[in-house]
């Protein structure tokens, strides 16, 4: 259960970056057809559903694994968010409060994650129970509905029109619905069914149920429901003249409802953002081709940048045994436990966990790396691009002895880090 929770947690964190991107794109693409917003929310669903992702140099996800499963077993657990400032704040706290100690048989961090996993299960259960009870209560309320024709039903026990059902969705209308509004209401609800909106809203709620612990996904679900309605409105009014759109707006106002709770179902005609929808209907203009093209390109770019993970270095020489050479392993590990050193098959010294070592290195030596970058006009350091830092670290004149020592350690570290990735004869760092 803990492993599952960690996997979902890391997936949710990565998806959170995509949600932020969608929020920005929604603002930039105001004039684009609203169905393009649903494409963007579809990308979020793919990110949350897919158990694996490809790596790409274009990825804007800072880290694929904020909390690695191995962190539960580490004496000093750390996070790797991909954001140095956040790691610098959180990791010292974890070191002080969650590090393993001889008096405890279990790593405190394991206990924390186990408790979080248990709370997550309870939260999932509560949301599922809420959805089931809401559905059963609604079904009971409309059990006396009278069929009019096809999938149309009328009920005196509902005050607003809505779609209910997954496999065979039905449209329920209140008996007091104005005849002038009925045609617009039916057209709207039929459009929902043709667009399979009742599936997408249910999928969105189920994903929210699983990932309820991420606040951005609550925001995403609310906006998804709103965008579903806006897109459906545009589908219905696409060929209407101004007078017909005014009548449609009146129907919206007549059927508007106030909700104070989340719902997986039903799809109601006047459910969300009525004033926004009325304004959108009255001011509707068919978007230009270039606007649609730009929106689609934005969706493709978002998919490339946020459905892929950052490229990680391919370790060619993992450690296989304890190291007994001349490298001062105690010195490295005194700086950070993540700098633990072992020996590869060819005998050379390598970091036991190069990725974790590099993350700790960029956190602990962020000021020195920034000084080198500015003084020598270097590109930002990455797990693949670090050669210039290794070269200039030895040459850095510095202002104080401490600065020179830290710059020299940059070169020492990168020499050792490189051993894990290059094909070379055994070498030692003096």
Protein backbone atom coordinates (compact mmCIF):
# COMPACT_ATOMS: atom_id res chain seq x y z
CA UNK A 1 0.00 0.00 0.00
CA UNK A 2 2.87 2.36 0.82
CA UNK A 3 4.51 1.75 -2.55
CA UNK A 4 1.21 2.42 -4.33
CA UNK A 5 0.69 5.64 -2.41
CA UNK A 6 4.22 6.85 -3.20
CA UNK A 7 3.72 6.06 -6.88
CA UNK A 8 0.45 8.01 -6.95
CA UNK A 9 1.99 10.85 -4.93
CA UNK A 10 4.84 11.27 -7.41
CA UNK A 11 2.41 11.06 -10.32
CA UNK A 12 0.19 13.72 -8.72
CA UNK A 13 3.12 16.07 -8.14
CA UNK A 14 4.15 15.76 -11.79
CA UNK A 15 0.55 16.29 -12.92
CA UNK A 16 0.36 19.38 -10.72
CA UNK A 17 2.88 21.11 -12.98
CA UNK A 18 0.69 20.28 -15.97
CA UNK A 19 -2.36 21.70 -14.19
CA UNK A 20 -0.48 24.97 -13.63
CA UNK A 21 0.39 25.03 -17.33
CA UNK A 22 -3.26 24.44 -18.24
CA UNK A 23 -4.34 27.32 -15.99
CA UNK A 24 -1.95 29.63 -17.83
CA UNK A 25 -2.99 28.35 -21.27
CA UNK A 26 -6.69 28.83 -20.42
CA UNK A 27 -5.94 32.53 -19.92
CA UNK A 28 -3.84 32.84 -23.06
CA UNK A 29 -6.35 31.00 -25.25
CA UNK A 30 -9.49 32.86 -24.22
CA UNK A 31 -10.56 33.32 -27.84
CA UNK A 32 -10.02 29.67 -28.75
CA UNK A 33 -12.99 27.28 -28.90
CA UNK A 34 -13.70 25.85 -25.47
CA UNK A 35 -13.29 22.25 -26.65
CA UNK A 36 -9.55 22.91 -26.81
CA UNK A 37 -9.60 23.36 -23.03
CA UNK A 38 -10.97 19.84 -22.73
CA UNK A 39 -8.00 18.60 -24.74
CA UNK A 40 -5.74 20.20 -22.15
CA UNK A 41 -7.64 18.59 -19.28
CA UNK A 42 -7.36 15.32 -21.20
CA UNK A 43 -3.58 15.67 -20.99
CA UNK A 44 -3.88 15.94 -17.21
CA UNK A 45 -5.94 12.74 -17.16
CA UNK A 46 -3.33 10.95 -19.29
CA UNK A 47 -0.58 12.07 -16.91
CA UNK A 48 -2.53 10.76 -13.92
CA UNK A 49 -3.57 7.48 -15.54
CA UNK A 50 -0.42 6.41 -17.35
CA UNK A 51 1.80 4.17 -15.16
CA UNK A 52 4.88 5.00 -17.23
CA UNK A 53 6.22 8.01 -19.13
CA UNK A 54 8.86 8.60 -21.75
CA UNK A 55 11.87 10.81 -21.13
CA UNK A 56 12.48 13.93 -23.17
CA UNK A 57 14.95 16.80 -23.21
CA UNK A 58 11.90 19.05 -23.73
CA UNK A 59 10.27 18.00 -20.47
CA UNK A 60 9.42 20.85 -18.09
CA UNK A 61 8.65 18.50 -15.19
CA UNK A 62 11.33 19.28 -12.56
CA UNK A 63 11.47 15.73 -11.18
CA UNK A 64 9.80 12.43 -12.04
CA UNK A 65 10.14 11.16 -8.46
CA UNK A 66 9.90 13.71 -5.69
CA UNK A 67 10.03 10.91 -3.11
CA UNK A 68 11.81 7.82 -4.37
CA UNK A 69 10.83 4.44 -2.85
CA UNK A 70 14.44 4.04 -1.74
CA UNK A 71 14.03 7.06 0.54
CA UNK A 72 12.02 4.89 2.95
CA UNK A 73 15.09 2.75 3.51
CA UNK A 74 17.69 5.51 3.64
CA UNK A 75 19.09 6.38 7.08
CA UNK A 76 18.63 10.02 6.13
CA UNK A 77 15.61 10.38 3.80
CA UNK A 78 15.61 13.15 1.22
CA UNK A 79 13.29 14.50 -1.44
CA UNK A 80 14.29 15.33 -5.01
CA UNK A 81 11.73 17.84 -6.21
CA UNK A 82 13.96 19.21 -8.94
CA UNK A 83 13.75 22.63 -7.27
CA UNK A 84 16.92 23.39 -5.35
CA UNK A 85 15.33 25.99 -3.07
CA UNK A 86 12.64 23.53 -1.97
CA UNK A 87 15.11 20.70 -1.43
CA UNK A 88 17.32 23.00 0.62
CA UNK A 89 14.42 23.81 2.95
CA UNK A 90 12.82 20.36 3.25
CA UNK A 91 15.82 18.02 3.37
CA UNK A 92 17.43 19.52 6.50
CA UNK A 93 14.06 19.18 8.24
CA UNK A 94 13.86 15.52 7.22
CA UNK A 95 17.42 14.99 8.37
CA UNK A 96 16.59 16.32 11.83
CA UNK A 97 13.17 14.74 12.32
CA UNK A 98 13.00 11.63 10.14
CA UNK A 99 16.50 10.20 10.15
CA UNK A 100 16.90 6.64 11.41
CA UNK A 101 18.29 6.27 14.94
CA UNK A 102 19.58 3.20 16.82
CA UNK A 103 16.74 3.32 19.37
CA UNK A 104 14.10 2.85 16.65
CA UNK A 105 13.74 -0.38 14.71
CA UNK A 106 11.76 1.39 11.98
CA UNK A 107 12.77 4.44 9.98
CA UNK A 108 10.52 7.33 11.16
CA UNK A 109 10.04 8.35 7.54
CA UNK A 110 8.52 4.93 6.85
CA UNK A 111 6.02 5.53 9.65
CA UNK A 112 5.10 8.94 8.25
CA UNK A 113 4.48 7.56 4.77
CA UNK A 114 2.51 4.60 6.15
CA UNK A 115 0.26 6.99 8.10
CA UNK A 116 -0.17 9.17 5.01
CA UNK A 117 -1.09 6.09 2.96
CA UNK A 118 -3.70 5.09 5.55
CA UNK A 119 -5.21 8.60 5.53
CA UNK A 120 -5.25 8.47 1.72
CA UNK A 121 -7.23 5.21 1.76
CA UNK A 122 -9.75 6.70 4.19
CA UNK A 123 -10.14 9.77 1.97
CA UNK A 124 -10.74 7.63 -1.12
CA UNK A 125 -13.36 5.64 0.78
CA UNK A 126 -15.16 8.77 1.97
CA UNK A 127 -15.36 10.27 -1.53
CA UNK A 128 -16.55 7.01 -3.08
CA UNK A 129 -19.19 6.62 -0.38
CA UNK A 130 -20.30 10.20 -0.93
CA UNK A 131 -20.64 9.65 -4.70
CA UNK A 132 -22.56 6.40 -4.29
CA UNK A 133 -24.94 7.88 -1.71
CA UNK A 134 -25.54 10.94 -3.89
CA UNK A 135 -26.34 8.75 -6.88
CA UNK A 136 -28.67 6.46 -4.93
CA UNK A 137 -30.47 9.43 -3.37
CA UNK A 138 -30.97 11.06 -6.77
CA UNK A 139 -32.17 7.82 -8.36
CA UNK A 140 -34.69 7.42 -5.58
CA UNK A 141 -35.92 10.99 -6.04
CA UNK A 142 -36.59 10.53 -9.77
CA UNK A 143 -37.96 6.99 -9.49
CA UNK A 144 -41.44 8.34 -10.31
CA UNK A 145 -40.29 10.17 -13.46
CA UNK A 146 -42.53 9.69 -16.50
CA UNK A 147 -41.04 8.86 -19.87
CA UNK A 148 -41.98 11.37 -22.58
CA UNK A 149 -40.18 9.89 -25.58
CA UNK A 150 -36.85 8.26 -26.34
CA UNK A 151 -34.47 9.08 -23.49
CA UNK A 152 -36.53 12.06 -22.26
CA UNK A 153 -38.19 11.91 -18.84
CA UNK A 154 -40.12 14.46 -16.79
CA UNK A 155 -40.23 14.56 -13.01
CA UNK A 156 -42.03 16.79 -10.56
CA UNK A 157 -39.35 16.04 -7.97
CA UNK A 158 -36.54 17.90 -9.69
CA UNK A 159 -36.22 21.64 -10.25
CA UNK A 160 -33.56 21.53 -12.95
CA UNK A 161 -32.84 19.49 -16.11
CA UNK A 162 -29.93 17.04 -16.11
CA UNK A 163 -28.41 13.94 -17.69
CA UNK A 164 -28.07 10.81 -15.55
CA UNK A 165 -26.59 7.46 -16.47
CA UNK A 166 -23.38 6.11 -17.97
CA UNK A 167 -24.19 3.32 -20.43
CA UNK A 168 -27.73 4.45 -21.28
CA UNK A 169 -27.91 8.11 -20.22
CA UNK A 170 -31.32 9.69 -19.80
CA UNK A 171 -32.43 13.31 -19.78
CA UNK A 172 -34.64 14.37 -16.88
CA UNK A 173 -36.70 17.56 -17.15
CA UNK A 174 -38.69 19.34 -14.43
CA UNK A 175 -42.43 19.45 -15.03
CA UNK A 176 -42.52 23.23 -14.59
CA UNK A 177 -39.96 23.90 -17.33
CA UNK A 178 -40.99 26.75 -19.61
CA UNK A 179 -41.96 25.52 -23.08
CA UNK A 180 -39.88 28.27 -24.71
CA UNK A 181 -36.79 27.01 -22.89
CA UNK A 182 -37.42 23.31 -23.40
CA UNK A 183 -36.04 23.08 -26.95
CA UNK A 184 -32.77 24.73 -25.89
CA UNK A 185 -32.49 22.58 -22.78
CA UNK A 186 -33.05 19.35 -24.70
CA UNK A 187 -30.55 20.40 -27.38
CA UNK A 188 -27.97 21.13 -24.70
CA UNK A 189 -28.45 17.84 -22.84
CA UNK A 190 -28.43 15.83 -26.08
CA UNK A 191 -25.18 17.55 -27.02
CA UNK A 192 -23.72 16.42 -23.67
CA UNK A 193 -24.66 12.83 -24.52
CA UNK A 194 -23.29 12.97 -28.06
CA UNK A 195 -20.02 14.43 -26.76
CA UNK A 196 -19.81 11.73 -24.06
CA UNK A 197 -19.48 14.44 -21.42
CA UNK A 198 -21.13 12.19 -18.83
CA UNK A 199 -18.15 9.84 -19.23
CA UNK A 200 -15.52 12.55 -18.95
CA UNK A 201 -17.06 14.12 -15.87
CA UNK A 202 -17.26 10.72 -14.18
CA UNK A 203 -13.64 10.00 -15.10
CA UNK A 204 -12.62 13.37 -13.69
CA UNK A 205 -14.39 12.67 -10.41
CA UNK A 206 -12.83 9.21 -10.12
CA UNK A 207 -9.38 10.70 -10.67
CA UNK A 208 -10.14 13.33 -8.05
CA UNK A 209 -11.18 10.54 -5.70
CA UNK A 210 -7.82 8.81 -6.13
CA UNK A 211 -5.71 11.98 -6.05
CA UNK A 212 -7.79 13.94 -3.55
CA UNK A 213 -4.71 14.94 -1.55
CA UNK A 214 -3.46 17.34 -4.26
CA UNK A 215 -5.24 20.72 -3.99
CA UNK A 216 -4.55 21.65 -7.61
CA UNK A 217 -6.58 18.67 -8.77
CA UNK A 218 -9.63 20.01 -6.93
CA UNK A 219 -9.16 23.24 -8.87
CA UNK A 220 -8.76 21.21 -12.06
CA UNK A 221 -12.01 19.32 -11.47
CA UNK A 222 -14.02 22.49 -10.84
CA UNK A 223 -12.66 24.07 -14.02
CA UNK A 224 -13.20 20.85 -15.98
CA UNK A 225 -16.91 20.92 -15.09
CA UNK A 226 -17.10 24.57 -16.11
CA UNK A 227 -15.27 23.99 -19.39
CA UNK A 228 -17.50 21.01 -20.22
CA UNK A 229 -20.53 23.29 -19.97
CA UNK A 230 -18.91 26.10 -21.95
CA UNK A 231 -17.86 23.72 -24.72
CA UNK A 232 -21.34 22.21 -24.84
CA UNK A 233 -22.91 25.67 -25.05
CA UNK A 234 -20.68 26.54 -28.01
CA UNK A 235 -21.62 23.29 -29.71
CA UNK A 236 -25.34 24.11 -29.43
CA UNK A 237 -25.22 27.81 -30.34
CA UNK A 238 -22.72 27.47 -33.19
CA UNK A 239 -25.35 28.07 -35.88
CA UNK A 240 -27.74 30.28 -33.91
CA UNK A 241 -28.44 33.92 -34.70
CA UNK A 242 -28.27 36.62 -32.03
CA UNK A 243 -31.97 36.38 -31.13
CA UNK A 244 -31.77 32.62 -30.66
CA UNK A 245 -28.69 33.03 -28.49
CA UNK A 246 -30.60 35.51 -26.34
CA UNK A 247 -33.38 32.94 -25.87
CA UNK A 248 -30.76 30.33 -24.99
CA UNK A 249 -29.33 32.69 -22.37
CA UNK A 250 -32.77 33.15 -20.86
CA UNK A 251 -33.11 29.38 -20.62
CA UNK A 252 -29.77 29.27 -18.80
CA UNK A 253 -30.92 31.85 -16.28
CA UNK A 254 -34.23 30.08 -15.75
CA UNK A 255 -32.56 26.73 -15.09
CA UNK A 256 -29.62 28.04 -13.07
CA UNK A 257 -28.95 26.15 -9.86
CA UNK A 258 -26.66 26.68 -6.93
CA UNK A 259 -24.41 23.87 -5.84
CA UNK A 260 -22.41 23.90 -2.66
CA UNK A 261 -20.97 20.41 -3.12
CA UNK A 262 -18.96 18.40 -5.62
CA UNK A 263 -20.72 15.85 -7.77
CA UNK A 264 -19.69 13.10 -10.13
CA UNK A 265 -23.16 13.23 -11.67
CA UNK A 266 -25.44 14.45 -13.06
CA UNK A 267 -24.73 16.91 -15.88
CA UNK A 268 -27.13 19.76 -15.19
CA UNK A 269 -28.11 22.42 -17.73
CA UNK A 270 -27.61 25.40 -15.41
CA UNK A 271 -25.01 23.82 -13.19
CA UNK A 272 -21.84 25.93 -13.14
CA UNK A 273 -20.73 29.46 -13.97
CA UNK A 274 -24.11 30.57 -15.33
CA UNK A 275 -23.22 34.27 -15.61
CA UNK A 276 -19.97 33.42 -17.37
CA UNK A 277 -21.86 31.11 -19.72
CA UNK A 278 -24.50 33.74 -20.49
CA UNK A 279 -21.80 36.27 -21.30
CA UNK A 280 -20.00 33.73 -23.46
CA UNK A 281 -23.22 32.86 -25.33
CA UNK A 282 -24.20 36.47 -26.02
CA UNK A 283 -20.70 37.46 -27.15
CA UNK A 284 -20.01 34.28 -29.11
CA UNK A 285 -18.09 34.62 -32.37
CA UNK A 286 -16.83 31.73 -34.42
CA UNK A 287 -13.06 31.60 -33.83
CA UNK A 288 -10.69 32.27 -36.70
CA UNK A 289 -8.76 29.37 -38.17
CA UNK A 290 -5.45 30.68 -36.87
CA UNK A 291 -6.85 30.79 -33.33
CA UNK A 292 -7.88 27.14 -33.54
CA UNK A 293 -4.51 26.20 -35.05
CA UNK A 294 -2.63 28.07 -32.30
CA UNK A 295 -4.69 26.31 -29.62
CA UNK A 296 -3.97 22.88 -31.11
CA UNK A 297 -0.25 23.68 -31.35
CA UNK A 298 -0.32 24.78 -27.70
CA UNK A 299 -1.91 21.45 -26.76
CA UNK A 300 0.80 19.54 -28.63
CA UNK A 301 3.56 21.56 -26.99
CA UNK A 302 2.00 21.01 -23.57
CA UNK A 303 1.88 17.27 -24.26
CA UNK A 304 5.55 17.21 -25.26
CA UNK A 305 6.68 19.24 -22.26
CA UNK A 306 4.47 17.79 -19.53
CA UNK A 307 3.67 14.20 -20.55
CA UNK A 308 7.37 13.37 -20.57
CA UNK A 309 9.87 13.16 -17.74
CA UNK A 310 13.28 14.84 -17.66
CA UNK A 311 16.10 12.77 -19.12
CA UNK A 312 18.09 10.96 -16.45
CA UNK A 313 21.66 9.91 -16.89
CA UNK A 314 22.29 6.29 -17.85
CA UNK A 315 24.59 4.79 -15.24
CA UNK A 316 27.11 2.59 -17.04
CA UNK A 317 29.14 1.69 -13.98
CA UNK A 318 26.95 1.12 -10.91
CA UNK A 319 28.64 0.28 -7.62
CA UNK A 320 28.86 -3.43 -6.90
CA UNK A 321 31.08 -3.66 -3.84
CA UNK A 322 32.66 -1.64 -1.08
CA UNK A 323 35.43 0.71 -2.07
CA UNK A 324 38.90 0.29 -0.54
CA UNK A 325 41.00 2.63 -2.69
CA UNK A 326 42.65 5.98 -2.07
CA UNK A 327 39.63 8.28 -2.35
CA UNK A 328 38.77 9.77 1.04
CA UNK A 329 35.26 8.33 1.27
CA UNK A 330 34.82 9.54 4.85
CA UNK A 331 35.40 13.13 3.74
CA UNK A 332 32.74 12.91 1.04
CA UNK A 333 30.20 11.28 3.34
CA UNK A 334 30.90 13.85 6.07
CA UNK A 335 29.59 16.50 3.69
CA UNK A 336 26.44 14.53 2.86
CA UNK A 337 25.29 10.92 3.41
CA UNK A 338 24.14 11.03 -0.21
CA UNK A 339 27.81 11.14 -1.24
CA UNK A 340 28.30 7.50 -0.20
CA UNK A 341 31.00 5.88 -2.35
CA UNK A 342 31.37 2.32 -3.59
CA UNK A 343 33.41 0.53 -6.23
CA UNK A 344 32.29 -0.37 -9.75
CA UNK A 345 33.24 -3.66 -11.43
CA UNK A 346 36.34 -2.03 -12.91
CA UNK A 347 37.48 -0.97 -9.43
CA UNK A 348 37.02 2.77 -9.80
CA UNK A 349 35.30 4.84 -7.15
CA UNK A 350 31.69 5.72 -7.95
CA UNK A 351 28.78 7.17 -6.04
CA UNK A 352 26.40 4.50 -4.78
CA UNK A 353 23.46 6.60 -5.96
CA UNK A 354 24.70 9.12 -8.57
CA UNK A 355 21.30 10.74 -9.06
CA UNK A 356 20.79 11.35 -5.37
CA UNK A 357 24.40 12.49 -4.98
CA UNK A 358 24.02 15.00 -7.81
CA UNK A 359 20.78 16.38 -6.36
CA UNK A 360 22.41 16.86 -2.95
CA UNK A 361 25.49 18.37 -4.58
CA UNK A 362 23.52 21.00 -6.51
CA UNK A 363 21.65 21.89 -3.31
CA UNK A 364 24.66 22.13 -1.02
CA UNK A 365 26.90 23.91 -3.52
CA UNK A 366 24.29 26.07 -5.24
CA UNK A 367 26.09 29.31 -4.33
CA UNK A 368 29.46 28.07 -5.61
CA UNK A 369 27.95 26.72 -8.83
CA UNK A 370 26.19 30.04 -9.40
CA UNK A 371 29.46 31.92 -8.82
CA UNK A 372 31.23 29.70 -11.38
CA UNK A 373 28.37 30.16 -13.81
CA UNK A 374 28.51 33.94 -13.56
CA UNK A 375 32.30 34.33 -13.54
CA UNK A 376 32.89 32.04 -16.53
CA UNK A 377 29.57 32.63 -18.34
CA UNK A 378 28.60 28.95 -18.16
CA UNK A 379 25.25 27.35 -18.96
CA UNK A 380 23.23 26.00 -15.99
CA UNK A 381 24.64 22.74 -14.67
CA UNK A 382 22.67 19.55 -15.35
CA UNK A 383 23.26 15.83 -14.93
CA UNK A 384 24.39 15.73 -18.55
CA UNK A 385 26.09 19.13 -18.91
CA UNK A 386 28.73 19.68 -16.24
CA UNK A 387 32.15 19.44 -17.94
CA UNK A 388 32.92 23.17 -17.80
CA UNK A 389 32.21 23.28 -14.08
CA UNK A 390 34.64 20.43 -13.54
CA UNK A 391 37.28 22.30 -15.53
CA UNK A 392 36.90 25.73 -13.96
CA UNK A 393 36.41 24.49 -10.41
CA UNK A 394 40.13 23.78 -10.12
CA UNK A 395 41.03 27.15 -11.69
CA UNK A 396 38.71 29.34 -9.66
CA UNK A 397 40.82 32.00 -7.86
CA UNK A 398 38.03 32.87 -5.41
CA UNK A 399 37.91 35.61 -2.84
CA UNK A 400 38.58 33.53 0.28
CA UNK A 401 40.18 30.22 1.11
CA UNK A 402 36.75 28.73 1.79
CA UNK A 403 35.48 29.78 -1.64
CA UNK A 404 38.52 28.23 -3.32
CA UNK A 405 38.07 24.99 -1.37
CA UNK A 406 34.40 24.77 -2.32
CA UNK A 407 35.22 25.41 -5.98
CA UNK A 408 37.90 22.71 -5.89
CA UNK A 409 35.41 20.29 -4.36
CA UNK A 410 33.09 20.95 -7.30
CA UNK A 411 35.77 19.53 -9.59
CA UNK A 412 36.48 16.62 -7.25
CA UNK A 413 32.83 15.74 -7.02
CA UNK A 414 32.27 15.90 -10.78
CA UNK A 415 35.37 13.80 -11.45
CA UNK A 416 33.94 11.11 -9.21
CA UNK A 417 30.41 11.57 -10.54
CA UNK A 418 31.65 11.09 -14.09
CA UNK A 419 33.10 7.69 -13.22
CA UNK A 420 29.59 6.24 -13.10
CA UNK A 421 28.90 7.12 -16.72
CA UNK A 422 32.09 6.92 -18.80
CA UNK A 423 33.92 3.87 -20.13
CA UNK A 424 37.41 4.30 -18.75
CA UNK A 425 40.19 2.47 -17.00
CA UNK A 426 40.18 2.46 -13.19
CA UNK A 427 41.17 5.86 -11.90
CA UNK A 428 41.61 7.46 -8.53
CA UNK A 429 41.11 10.96 -7.27
CA UNK A 430 44.13 12.15 -5.36
